[in-house]
Amino acid sequence: MSNNIYFFTEDINFNLKHRNAIRQWIKNIVAAEEKKIDSINYIFCSDNYLFKLNIDYLKHNTLTDVITFNYSEDNINGDVFISIERIKENAKIFKQKFYIELLRVIVHGTLHLCGYKDKSKKDKHLMQSKEDFYLSKLDFSIIQ
């Protein structure tokens, strides 16, 4: 199995546009990070769904925009759960277009699967600079 990137929804109605372009962008990110994909599932869900995962698996009693589960130490095999409600809210807060904020969170989860952390100030800064870098590599004309 190689280069298997899937998009699903859980408890919401959401249609990710430009799946093939985003899939190729994710493949490029992973290749640039010198990793190989076995399987990545991006699951778009509600705040409530992600909140329950956050409590059940991470013991965090907070809302979040993304939770990443990495099932392998070698090749990338994982799930990235993304709250569409949080993305909409954060887009307003950061005065960003919804789709750009969504792409930022997609790359954020992808970077977690590549081994990046974001708990310390230094790690968070590296993660944000990687997000910015990979967002700059996406041809936005294909997703407008």
Foldseek 3Di string as FASTA:
>chain_A
DWLAEEEEEDADDDDDPPVVLLSVLLVVLCVVLVATAPYEYEYEYAQVVVQVCCCPPVVDNDGDAWDKDADDPHHGDIYIYGHLVVLVVVCVVVVHDSVLSVQLSVVLNSVVSSPQDCPDPVSVVVSVVSSVVSSVVRDCVSVD
